[in-house]
């Protein structure tokens, strides 16, 4: 159903637990969320499905890129570093693998409801 129980997304936010930046939840059937490092100091918290190379390479990486851009636009945080990270992701995805990114010192974490 459309409402989340106390154990769902609302419950996780209430106690400060991170949720996937793209689906706002933990993985269906278990599995936790974890940071996924892109490039240009950008990282997001994702569930296992959205961290998978299979998902991130769909449509030449465009599906994942559009989801990230849409999420950052909706949050009002779409900055140059996000555009650069997405461009790098697209180049890597068309070469057949995205893997982890640059874990430099300048990191950006998007958690729903957080300001940048």
N, C-alpha and C. Protein backbone atom coordinates (compact mmCIF):
# COMPACT_ATOMS: atom_id res chain seq x y z
N UNK A 1 0.83 -1.19 0.00
CA UNK A 1 0.00 0.00 0.00
C UNK A 1 0.87 1.24 0.00
N UNK A 2 0.30 2.41 -0.25
CA UNK A 2 1.05 3.65 -0.41
C UNK A 2 1.61 4.21 0.88
N UNK A 3 1.05 3.81 2.02
CA UNK A 3 1.54 4.34 3.28
C UNK A 3 2.64 3.47 3.83
N UNK A 4 3.58 4.09 4.51
CA UNK A 4 4.69 3.36 5.10
C UNK A 4 4.40 3.14 6.58
N UNK A 5 4.66 1.95 7.08
CA UNK A 5 4.48 1.65 8.49
C UNK A 5 5.64 2.24 9.27
N UNK A 6 5.55 2.16 10.60
CA UNK A 6 6.62 2.67 11.46
C UNK A 6 7.93 1.98 11.16
N UNK A 7 7.87 0.75 10.63
CA UNK A 7 9.09 0.04 10.28
C UNK A 7 9.58 0.37 8.89
N UNK A 8 8.81 1.15 8.12
CA UNK A 8 9.16 1.48 6.75
C UNK A 8 10.01 2.74 6.67
N UNK A 9 9.83 3.46 5.57
CA UNK A 9 10.64 4.65 5.32
C UNK A 9 10.47 5.68 6.43
N UNK A 10 9.24 5.96 6.83
CA UNK A 10 9.02 6.96 7.87
C UNK A 10 9.72 6.57 9.17
N UNK A 11 9.67 5.29 9.50
CA UNK A 11 10.35 4.82 10.71
C UNK A 11 11.85 4.94 10.60
N UNK A 12 12.40 4.65 9.42
CA UNK A 12 13.85 4.77 9.23
C UNK A 12 14.28 6.22 9.32
N UNK A 13 13.51 7.15 8.71
CA UNK A 13 13.85 8.57 8.79
C UNK A 13 13.74 9.07 10.22
N UNK A 14 12.72 8.61 10.94
CA UNK A 14 12.49 9.08 12.31
C UNK A 14 13.66 8.77 13.23
N UNK A 15 14.34 7.69 13.00
CA UNK A 15 15.48 7.33 13.85
C UNK A 15 16.82 7.64 13.18
N UNK A 16 16.78 8.38 12.07
CA UNK A 16 17.99 8.82 11.42
C UNK A 16 18.71 7.78 10.58
N UNK A 17 18.03 6.69 10.20
CA UNK A 17 18.66 5.69 9.35
C UNK A 17 18.58 6.12 7.89
N UNK A 18 19.63 5.90 7.13
CA UNK A 18 19.61 6.31 5.73
C UNK A 18 18.70 5.42 4.90
N UNK A 19 18.20 6.00 3.83
CA UNK A 19 17.39 5.26 2.85
C UNK A 19 18.02 5.47 1.48
N UNK A 20 17.69 4.62 0.54
CA UNK A 20 18.19 4.74 -0.82
C UNK A 20 17.73 6.08 -1.41
N UNK A 21 18.66 6.80 -2.01
CA UNK A 21 18.34 8.10 -2.59
C UNK A 21 17.39 7.99 -3.78
N UNK A 22 17.29 6.80 -4.40
CA UNK A 22 16.44 6.66 -5.57
C UNK A 22 15.08 6.03 -5.28
N UNK A 23 15.03 5.08 -4.35
CA UNK A 23 13.74 4.43 -4.07
C UNK A 23 13.24 4.69 -2.66
N UNK A 24 14.02 5.40 -1.87
CA UNK A 24 13.66 5.77 -0.49
C UNK A 24 13.39 4.56 0.41
N UNK A 25 14.08 3.49 0.15
CA UNK A 25 13.87 2.33 1.01
C UNK A 25 15.06 1.41 1.01
N UNK A 26 15.04 0.46 1.92
CA UNK A 26 16.02 -0.61 1.86
C UNK A 26 15.61 -1.57 0.74
N UNK A 27 16.46 -2.49 0.43
CA UNK A 27 16.17 -3.44 -0.64
C UNK A 27 14.99 -4.32 -0.27
N UNK A 28 14.11 -4.61 -1.23
CA UNK A 28 13.02 -5.54 -0.95
C UNK A 28 13.60 -6.89 -0.53
N UNK A 29 13.09 -7.45 0.53
CA UNK A 29 13.55 -8.76 0.99
C UNK A 29 14.86 -8.72 1.74
N UNK A 30 15.27 -7.55 2.16
CA UNK A 30 16.50 -7.45 2.95
C UNK A 30 17.61 -6.77 2.19
N UNK A 31 18.73 -6.67 2.83
CA UNK A 31 19.86 -5.97 2.23
C UNK A 31 19.82 -4.51 2.60
N UNK A 32 20.92 -4.02 3.05
CA UNK A 32 20.93 -2.65 3.52
C UNK A 32 21.38 -1.67 2.47
N UNK A 33 21.22 -0.43 2.81
CA UNK A 33 21.71 0.64 1.95
C UNK A 33 23.16 0.93 2.32
N UNK A 34 23.91 1.46 1.36
CA UNK A 34 25.31 1.76 1.59
C UNK A 34 25.72 2.90 0.66
N UNK A 35 26.80 3.58 1.02
CA UNK A 35 27.29 4.65 0.13
C UNK A 35 27.75 4.08 -1.21
N UNK A 36 27.48 4.81 -2.26
CA UNK A 36 27.99 4.47 -3.59
C UNK A 36 28.74 5.70 -4.07
N UNK A 37 30.02 5.53 -4.30
CA UNK A 37 30.88 6.65 -4.68
C UNK A 37 30.90 6.82 -6.19
N UNK A 38 30.62 8.03 -6.62
CA UNK A 38 30.72 8.39 -8.02
C UNK A 38 32.07 9.07 -8.19
N UNK A 39 32.15 10.13 -8.94
CA UNK A 39 33.39 10.88 -9.11
C UNK A 39 33.15 12.32 -8.67
N UNK A 40 34.16 13.12 -8.73
CA UNK A 40 34.07 14.55 -8.42
C UNK A 40 33.57 14.79 -6.99
N UNK A 41 33.92 13.87 -6.09
CA UNK A 41 33.55 14.02 -4.69
C UNK A 41 32.08 13.77 -4.39
N UNK A 42 31.36 13.13 -5.29
CA UNK A 42 29.92 12.90 -5.12
C UNK A 42 29.68 11.45 -4.75
N UNK A 43 28.84 11.26 -3.74
CA UNK A 43 28.39 9.91 -3.40
C UNK A 43 26.96 9.97 -2.92
N UNK A 44 26.27 8.86 -3.10
CA UNK A 44 24.87 8.75 -2.70
C UNK A 44 24.68 7.44 -1.97
N UNK A 45 23.66 7.38 -1.14
CA UNK A 45 23.30 6.15 -0.45
C UNK A 45 22.32 5.41 -1.35
N UNK A 46 22.65 4.14 -1.65
CA UNK A 46 21.80 3.34 -2.54
C UNK A 46 21.55 1.96 -1.96
N UNK A 47 20.42 1.37 -2.34
CA UNK A 47 20.12 -0.02 -2.00
C UNK A 47 20.92 -0.93 -2.94
N UNK A 48 21.01 -2.22 -2.64
CA UNK A 48 21.78 -3.12 -3.51
C UNK A 48 21.32 -3.11 -4.97
N UNK A 49 20.02 -3.02 -5.23
CA UNK A 49 19.54 -3.01 -6.62
C UNK A 49 20.08 -1.80 -7.37
N UNK A 50 20.02 -0.62 -6.76
CA UNK A 50 20.47 0.58 -7.44
C UNK A 50 22.00 0.72 -7.46
N UNK A 51 22.70 -0.03 -6.60
CA UNK A 51 24.17 -0.05 -6.64
C UNK A 51 24.70 -1.02 -7.69
N UNK A 52 23.86 -1.92 -8.19
CA UNK A 52 24.33 -2.97 -9.09
C UNK A 52 24.76 -2.40 -10.45
N UNK A 53 25.80 -3.00 -11.02
CA UNK A 53 26.25 -2.61 -12.36
C UNK A 53 25.14 -2.82 -13.38
N UNK A 54 24.35 -3.89 -13.19
CA UNK A 54 23.26 -4.16 -14.13
C UNK A 54 22.30 -2.97 -14.21
N UNK A 55 21.88 -2.46 -13.06
CA UNK A 55 20.97 -1.32 -13.06
C UNK A 55 21.67 -0.07 -13.61
N UNK A 56 22.88 0.18 -13.17
CA UNK A 56 23.57 1.41 -13.54
C UNK A 56 23.98 1.47 -15.00
N UNK A 57 24.05 0.31 -15.66
CA UNK A 57 24.42 0.28 -17.08
C UNK A 57 23.22 0.20 -18.02
N UNK A 58 22.01 0.10 -17.47
CA UNK A 58 20.82 0.04 -18.32
C UNK A 58 20.75 1.25 -19.23
N UNK A 59 20.41 0.98 -20.48
CA UNK A 59 20.27 2.07 -21.44
C UNK A 59 21.54 2.87 -21.61
N UNK A 60 22.69 2.20 -21.54
CA UNK A 60 23.96 2.90 -21.67
C UNK A 60 24.24 3.83 -20.50
N UNK A 61 23.63 3.53 -19.34
CA UNK A 61 23.83 4.34 -18.14
C UNK A 61 22.85 5.49 -18.02
N UNK A 62 22.02 5.67 -19.05
CA UNK A 62 21.11 6.82 -19.06
C UNK A 62 19.99 6.72 -18.03
N UNK A 63 19.54 5.51 -17.71
CA UNK A 63 18.47 5.35 -16.72
C UNK A 63 18.95 5.84 -15.36
N UNK A 64 20.11 5.36 -14.93
CA UNK A 64 20.69 5.76 -13.65
C UNK A 64 20.98 7.26 -13.65
N UNK A 65 21.55 7.77 -14.73
CA UNK A 65 21.88 9.20 -14.83
C UNK A 65 20.63 10.06 -14.71
N UNK A 66 19.55 9.66 -15.38
CA UNK A 66 18.30 10.42 -15.31
C UNK A 66 17.71 10.40 -13.91
N UNK A 67 17.79 9.23 -13.26
CA UNK A 67 17.27 9.13 -11.89
C UNK A 67 18.05 10.05 -10.95
N UNK A 68 19.38 10.03 -11.06
CA UNK A 68 20.20 10.90 -10.21
C UNK A 68 19.91 12.37 -10.47
N UNK A 69 19.89 12.75 -11.75
CA UNK A 69 19.63 14.15 -12.10
C UNK A 69 18.26 14.59 -11.60
N UNK A 70 17.26 13.74 -11.78
CA UNK A 70 15.91 14.07 -11.31
C UNK A 70 15.85 14.23 -9.80
N UNK A 71 16.55 13.34 -9.08
CA UNK A 71 16.57 13.41 -7.62
C UNK A 71 17.24 14.71 -7.17
N UNK A 72 18.38 15.04 -7.77
CA UNK A 72 19.10 16.27 -7.38
C UNK A 72 18.32 17.52 -7.78
N UNK A 73 17.66 17.51 -8.94
CA UNK A 73 16.82 18.64 -9.34
C UNK A 73 15.69 18.83 -8.34
N UNK A 74 15.01 17.75 -7.98
CA UNK A 74 13.88 17.83 -7.05
C UNK A 74 14.30 18.36 -5.69
N UNK A 75 15.52 18.02 -5.28
CA UNK A 75 16.03 18.48 -3.98
C UNK A 75 16.62 19.89 -4.07
N UNK A 76 16.75 20.41 -5.29
CA UNK A 76 17.33 21.74 -5.46
C UNK A 76 18.82 21.77 -5.22
N UNK A 77 19.49 20.62 -5.45
CA UNK A 77 20.92 20.54 -5.17
C UNK A 77 21.76 20.16 -6.38
N UNK A 78 21.21 20.27 -7.57
CA UNK A 78 21.93 19.85 -8.78
C UNK A 78 23.01 20.88 -9.10
N UNK A 79 24.25 20.52 -8.83
CA UNK A 79 25.38 21.43 -8.98
C UNK A 79 26.34 20.92 -10.06
N UNK A 80 27.35 21.71 -10.36
CA UNK A 80 28.33 21.36 -11.38
C UNK A 80 28.97 20.01 -11.09
N UNK A 81 29.33 19.76 -9.85
CA UNK A 81 29.97 18.47 -9.51
C UNK A 81 29.05 17.29 -9.80
N UNK A 82 27.74 17.48 -9.65
CA UNK A 82 26.78 16.41 -9.97
C UNK A 82 26.74 16.17 -11.48
N UNK A 83 26.71 17.26 -12.25
CA UNK A 83 26.72 17.13 -13.72
C UNK A 83 27.98 16.40 -14.19
N UNK A 84 29.12 16.76 -13.61
CA UNK A 84 30.38 16.12 -13.99
C UNK A 84 30.39 14.64 -13.61
N UNK A 85 29.88 14.31 -12.43
CA UNK A 85 29.82 12.91 -12.00
C UNK A 85 28.90 12.10 -12.92
N UNK A 86 27.78 12.69 -13.32
CA UNK A 86 26.87 12.00 -14.24
C UNK A 86 27.53 11.82 -15.61
N UNK A 87 28.22 12.83 -16.11
CA UNK A 87 28.90 12.72 -17.41
C UNK A 87 29.95 11.61 -17.36
N UNK A 88 30.69 11.53 -16.27
CA UNK A 88 31.69 10.47 -16.12
C UNK A 88 31.02 9.11 -16.04
N UNK A 89 29.92 9.02 -15.31
CA UNK A 89 29.17 7.76 -15.22
C UNK A 89 28.75 7.30 -16.62
N UNK A 90 28.22 8.22 -17.42
CA UNK A 90 27.76 7.86 -18.76
C UNK A 90 28.91 7.37 -19.63
N UNK A 91 30.06 8.01 -19.54
CA UNK A 91 31.23 7.55 -20.31
C UNK A 91 31.64 6.15 -19.87
N UNK A 92 31.66 5.90 -18.56
CA UNK A 92 32.05 4.59 -18.05
C UNK A 92 31.03 3.51 -18.41
N UNK A 93 29.76 3.85 -18.34
CA UNK A 93 28.70 2.87 -18.61
C UNK A 93 28.74 2.42 -20.06
N UNK A 94 29.09 3.31 -20.96
CA UNK A 94 29.15 2.92 -22.37
C UNK A 94 30.39 2.09 -22.67
N UNK A 95 31.34 2.07 -21.74
CA UNK A 95 32.52 1.23 -21.89
C UNK A 95 32.34 -0.13 -21.22
N UNK A 96 31.19 -0.36 -20.60
CA UNK A 96 30.89 -1.68 -20.06
C UNK A 96 31.05 -1.87 -18.57
N UNK A 97 31.26 -0.86 -17.81
CA UNK A 97 31.35 -1.04 -16.36
C UNK A 97 31.44 0.29 -15.66
N UNK A 98 30.76 0.40 -14.54
CA UNK A 98 30.77 1.66 -13.82
C UNK A 98 31.55 1.57 -12.53
N UNK A 99 31.40 0.48 -11.79
CA UNK A 99 32.16 0.29 -10.56
C UNK A 99 32.12 1.48 -9.63
N UNK A 100 33.07 1.53 -8.72
CA UNK A 100 33.16 2.63 -7.76
C UNK A 100 33.83 3.83 -8.39
N UNK A 101 33.70 4.95 -7.74
CA UNK A 101 34.27 6.17 -8.27
C UNK A 101 35.39 6.69 -7.40
N UNK A 102 35.68 7.93 -7.58
CA UNK A 102 36.72 8.64 -6.85
C UNK A 102 36.28 8.87 -5.42
N UNK A 103 37.07 8.42 -4.47
CA UNK A 103 36.74 8.65 -3.06
C UNK A 103 37.59 9.78 -2.51
N UNK A 104 37.57 10.90 -3.20
CA UNK A 104 38.34 12.06 -2.77
C UNK A 104 37.83 12.65 -1.47
N UNK A 105 38.47 13.71 -1.03
CA UNK A 105 38.12 14.29 0.27
C UNK A 105 36.86 15.13 0.22
N UNK A 106 36.48 15.62 -0.95
CA UNK A 106 35.28 16.43 -1.07
C UNK A 106 34.11 15.52 -1.41
N UNK A 107 33.30 15.19 -0.42
CA UNK A 107 32.20 14.26 -0.62
C UNK A 107 30.87 14.95 -0.41
N UNK A 108 29.89 14.52 -1.17
CA UNK A 108 28.54 15.05 -1.06
C UNK A 108 27.62 13.86 -0.84
N UNK A 109 26.81 13.93 0.19
CA UNK A 109 25.86 12.86 0.47
C UNK A 109 24.47 13.41 0.34
N UNK A 110 23.63 12.74 -0.43
CA UNK A 110 22.24 13.14 -0.50
C UNK A 110 21.44 12.18 0.33
N UNK A 111 20.78 12.70 1.32
CA UNK A 111 19.81 11.94 2.09
C UNK A 111 18.54 12.76 2.03
N UNK A 112 17.44 12.12 1.72
CA UNK A 112 16.19 12.84 1.56
C UNK A 112 15.93 13.75 2.74
N UNK A 113 15.60 14.98 2.47
CA UNK A 113 15.28 15.94 3.52
C UNK A 113 16.49 16.71 4.03
N UNK A 114 17.69 16.32 3.63
CA UNK A 114 18.88 17.02 4.11
C UNK A 114 19.18 18.20 3.21
N UNK A 115 19.74 19.23 3.77
CA UNK A 115 20.17 20.35 2.94
C UNK A 115 21.60 20.12 2.53
N UNK A 116 22.04 20.80 1.48
CA UNK A 116 23.40 20.56 1.02
C UNK A 116 24.41 21.34 1.78
